[in-house]
Amino acid sequence: PPGTGSPEPGGRRATVGPVSTVTALLARLATEVHGDVEALGARVLVEIDAGLPELGRDPRVRELLVATVQGSLEGALVVLTGRAQDDVPLPPVAGELARRLAQQGGPVTGVLRAYRLGQSVFQQELIGRIAGSGLGTTEVGDAVRALTAVAFGYVDRVSEEMVAVHQAERDGWVRRRDAARLAMVDAVLAGR
């Protein structure tokens, strides 16, 4: 499509036409929002608490959730400044959250829903800032489309990584549980 630029090596897009204005705007807004990232994180947590109250019951899960929200917001903002998504790693604490939830038998759908709730708050914040930026209707539309693509891409990639961590931990727990049961049955059968 016109104005989207052509791919450069490494999957980045060349900034041609309106994309340069959009790219610059998103980078500027990401820098502004970064100054308010704690307040934005608090709003994300309010949404997660309303939509997934069970995540806040365990104090360690809550601690990991708060750190994951902050780390994920910071990662998404870095991507908006123009860095390739693959260059922004999953916050390490996010993997620990996924492992902890798997250990407690929590479904992976909780992790995915938390990310979707966070994405909603994140996008609403940035769309509000885009709308107030003074751009014309066409540029606002271009910026919102670009924001949506970046936010979806980031959340999609992070979600896949979280699912993989959750599943690996869940599989490990099931194997260890089954091995312990088998050892107990063997001990009973052997008369121990």
Protein backbone atom coordinates (compact mmCIF):
# COMPACT_ATOMS: atom_id res chain seq x y z
CA PRO A 1 0.00 0.00 0.00
CA PRO A 2 1.17 3.57 -0.62
CA GLY A 3 3.07 5.16 2.22
CA THR A 4 3.86 1.92 4.02
CA GLY A 5 7.44 1.84 2.85
CA SER A 6 9.39 -1.12 1.64
CA PRO A 7 11.05 -3.71 3.84
CA GLU A 8 14.70 -3.10 4.67
CA PRO A 9 17.10 -5.82 5.77
CA GLY A 10 16.11 -7.03 9.23
CA GLY A 11 12.36 -6.59 8.66
CA ARG A 12 12.25 -2.84 9.27
CA ARG A 13 10.34 -0.54 6.97
CA ALA A 14 11.83 2.37 5.14
CA THR A 15 10.27 5.64 6.20
CA VAL A 16 8.69 7.04 3.04
CA GLY A 17 5.94 9.64 2.81
CA PRO A 18 3.41 9.68 5.65
CA VAL A 19 5.15 6.82 7.45
CA SER A 20 7.98 9.15 8.45
CA THR A 21 5.47 11.47 10.12
CA VAL A 22 3.73 8.51 11.79
CA THR A 23 7.00 6.91 12.86
CA ALA A 24 8.23 10.17 14.35
CA LEU A 25 4.91 10.74 16.14
CA LEU A 26 4.82 7.24 17.63
CA ALA A 27 8.43 7.54 18.78
CA ARG A 28 7.71 10.93 20.40
CA LEU A 29 4.56 9.63 22.10
CA ALA A 30 6.38 6.52 23.32
CA THR A 31 8.99 8.75 24.93
CA GLU A 32 6.27 10.87 26.56
CA VAL A 33 4.37 7.82 27.83
CA HIS A 34 7.59 6.32 29.18
CA GLY A 35 7.66 9.21 31.65
CA ASP A 36 4.21 8.10 32.85
CA VAL A 37 4.79 4.34 32.59
CA GLU A 38 4.14 3.70 36.29
CA ALA A 39 0.75 5.41 36.13
CA LEU A 40 -0.09 3.52 32.95
CA GLY A 41 0.99 0.28 34.63
CA ALA A 42 -1.34 1.05 37.54
CA ARG A 43 -4.24 1.48 35.09
CA VAL A 44 -3.38 -1.82 33.41
CA LEU A 45 -3.36 -3.54 36.80
CA VAL A 46 -6.82 -2.12 37.60
CA GLU A 47 -8.13 -3.69 34.38
CA ILE A 48 -6.42 -7.01 35.07
CA ASP A 49 -7.74 -7.03 38.64
CA ALA A 50 -11.28 -6.43 37.35
CA GLY A 51 -11.04 -9.04 34.61
CA LEU A 52 -8.88 -11.64 36.39
CA PRO A 53 -9.28 -11.20 40.16
CA GLU A 54 -7.74 -14.64 40.81
CA LEU A 55 -4.32 -13.38 39.68
CA GLY A 56 -4.08 -11.06 42.67
CA ARG A 57 -4.75 -13.63 45.40
CA ASP A 58 -1.24 -15.06 45.75
CA PRO A 59 1.21 -12.37 46.95
CA ARG A 60 4.11 -13.79 44.86
CA VAL A 61 1.96 -13.95 41.72
CA ARG A 62 0.87 -10.36 42.38
CA GLU A 63 4.48 -9.24 42.72
CA LEU A 64 5.39 -11.00 39.46
CA LEU A 65 2.32 -9.57 37.72
CA VAL A 66 3.21 -5.99 38.70
CA ALA A 67 6.77 -6.42 37.45
CA THR A 68 5.58 -8.13 34.26
CA VAL A 69 3.17 -5.30 33.48
CA GLN A 70 5.91 -2.68 33.93
CA GLY A 71 8.44 -4.67 31.91
CA SER A 72 5.97 -5.37 29.12
CA LEU A 73 4.89 -1.74 28.87
CA GLU A 74 8.50 -0.62 28.70
CA GLY A 75 9.20 -3.22 26.00
CA ALA A 76 6.21 -2.11 23.93
CA LEU A 77 7.28 1.52 24.21
CA VAL A 78 10.78 0.62 23.02
CA VAL A 79 9.26 -1.08 19.97
CA LEU A 80 7.25 2.07 19.24
CA THR A 81 10.46 4.09 19.12
CA GLY A 82 11.47 2.05 16.09
CA ARG A 83 13.38 -0.95 17.40
CA ALA A 84 12.58 -4.28 15.78
CA GLN A 85 10.29 -6.42 17.93
CA ASP A 86 12.73 -9.32 17.84
CA ASP A 87 15.36 -7.05 19.43
CA VAL A 88 13.17 -6.48 22.52
CA PRO A 89 13.23 -9.58 24.72
CA LEU A 90 10.43 -10.89 26.88
CA PRO A 91 10.82 -9.37 30.35
CA PRO A 92 12.50 -12.16 32.39
CA VAL A 93 9.95 -11.76 35.17
CA ALA A 94 7.17 -12.54 32.64
CA GLY A 95 8.59 -16.02 32.18
CA GLU A 96 8.68 -16.45 35.95
CA LEU A 97 5.01 -15.40 36.13
CA ALA A 98 4.07 -17.98 33.49
CA ARG A 99 6.02 -20.68 35.37
CA ARG A 100 4.40 -19.78 38.68
CA LEU A 101 0.90 -19.89 37.22
CA ALA A 102 1.64 -23.28 35.64
CA GLN A 103 2.90 -24.61 39.00
CA GLN A 104 -0.37 -23.53 40.60
CA GLY A 105 -2.40 -25.22 37.88
CA GLY A 106 -3.54 -21.91 36.43
CA PRO A 107 -4.58 -22.08 32.79
CA VAL A 108 -2.51 -20.34 30.17
CA THR A 109 -5.65 -18.46 29.13
CA GLY A 110 -5.19 -16.25 32.19
CA VAL A 111 -1.80 -15.10 30.95
CA LEU A 112 -3.17 -14.43 27.48
CA ARG A 113 -6.17 -12.50 28.80
CA ALA A 114 -3.94 -10.37 31.04
CA TYR A 115 -1.90 -9.37 27.99
CA ARG A 116 -5.03 -8.54 25.99
CA LEU A 117 -6.36 -6.39 28.84
CA GLY A 118 -3.02 -4.62 29.03
CA GLN A 119 -2.94 -4.08 25.28
CA SER A 120 -6.37 -2.47 25.43
CA VAL A 121 -5.32 0.06 28.08
CA PHE A 122 -2.01 0.71 26.28
CA GLN A 123 -3.71 1.36 22.95
CA GLN A 124 -6.42 3.55 24.47
CA GLU A 125 -3.75 5.71 26.10
CA LEU A 126 -1.79 6.12 22.89
CA ILE A 127 -4.84 6.60 20.68
CA GLY A 128 -5.91 9.43 23.00
CA ARG A 129 -2.49 11.01 22.62
CA ILE A 130 -2.55 10.53 18.84
CA ALA A 131 -5.98 12.19 18.67
CA GLY A 132 -4.65 15.16 20.64
CA SER A 133 -1.50 15.52 18.55
CA GLY A 134 -2.94 18.03 16.08
CA LEU A 135 -2.57 15.82 13.03
CA GLY A 136 -5.14 15.72 10.28
CA THR A 137 -7.67 12.92 10.00
CA THR A 138 -5.62 10.94 7.48
CA GLU A 139 -2.45 11.11 9.59
CA VAL A 140 -4.37 10.15 12.75
CA GLY A 141 -5.77 7.14 10.90
CA ASP A 142 -2.28 6.19 9.68
CA ALA A 143 -0.87 6.55 13.20
CA VAL A 144 -3.62 4.45 14.78
CA ARG A 145 -3.14 1.72 12.16
CA ALA A 146 0.62 1.73 12.78
CA LEU A 147 0.10 1.67 16.55
CA THR A 148 -2.34 -1.23 16.25
CA ALA A 149 0.09 -3.22 14.11
CA VAL A 150 2.98 -2.65 16.51
CA ALA A 151 0.94 -3.36 19.66
CA PHE A 152 -0.63 -6.49 18.20
CA GLY A 153 2.73 -7.74 16.92
CA TYR A 154 4.40 -7.20 20.29
CA VAL A 155 1.61 -8.83 22.30
CA ASP A 156 1.37 -11.72 19.83
CA ARG A 157 5.10 -12.46 20.09
CA VAL A 158 5.21 -12.11 23.87
CA SER A 159 2.07 -14.24 24.26
CA GLU A 160 3.62 -17.04 22.21
CA GLU A 161 6.71 -16.97 24.41
CA MET A 162 4.61 -16.96 27.58
CA VAL A 163 2.56 -19.92 26.34
CA ALA A 164 5.75 -21.85 25.57
CA VAL A 165 7.17 -21.16 29.06
CA HIS A 166 3.85 -22.04 30.73
CA GLN A 167 3.51 -25.27 28.75
CA ALA A 168 7.10 -26.37 29.42
CA GLU A 169 6.64 -25.78 33.16
CA ARG A 170 3.26 -27.53 33.19
CA ASP A 171 4.71 -30.53 31.34
CA GLY A 172 7.60 -30.69 33.82
CA TRP A 173 5.24 -30.61 36.80
CA VAL A 174 3.06 -33.35 35.30
CA ARG A 175 6.10 -35.55 34.64
CA ARG A 176 7.43 -35.05 38.19
CA ARG A 177 3.99 -35.70 39.70
CA ASP A 178 3.54 -38.85 37.64
CA ALA A 179 7.04 -40.06 38.57
CA ALA A 180 6.28 -39.52 42.28
CA ARG A 181 3.00 -41.43 41.98
CA LEU A 182 4.73 -44.30 40.17
CA ALA A 183 7.42 -44.43 42.87
CA MET A 184 4.70 -44.56 45.55
CA VAL A 185 2.84 -47.38 43.76
CA ASP A 186 6.12 -49.30 43.34
CA ALA A 187 6.87 -48.84 47.06
CA VAL A 188 3.38 -50.08 48.04
CA LEU A 189 3.66 -53.09 45.76
CA ALA A 190 7.11 -53.88 47.12
CA GLY A 191 5.70 -53.81 50.66
CA ARG A 192 7.61 -50.72 51.75
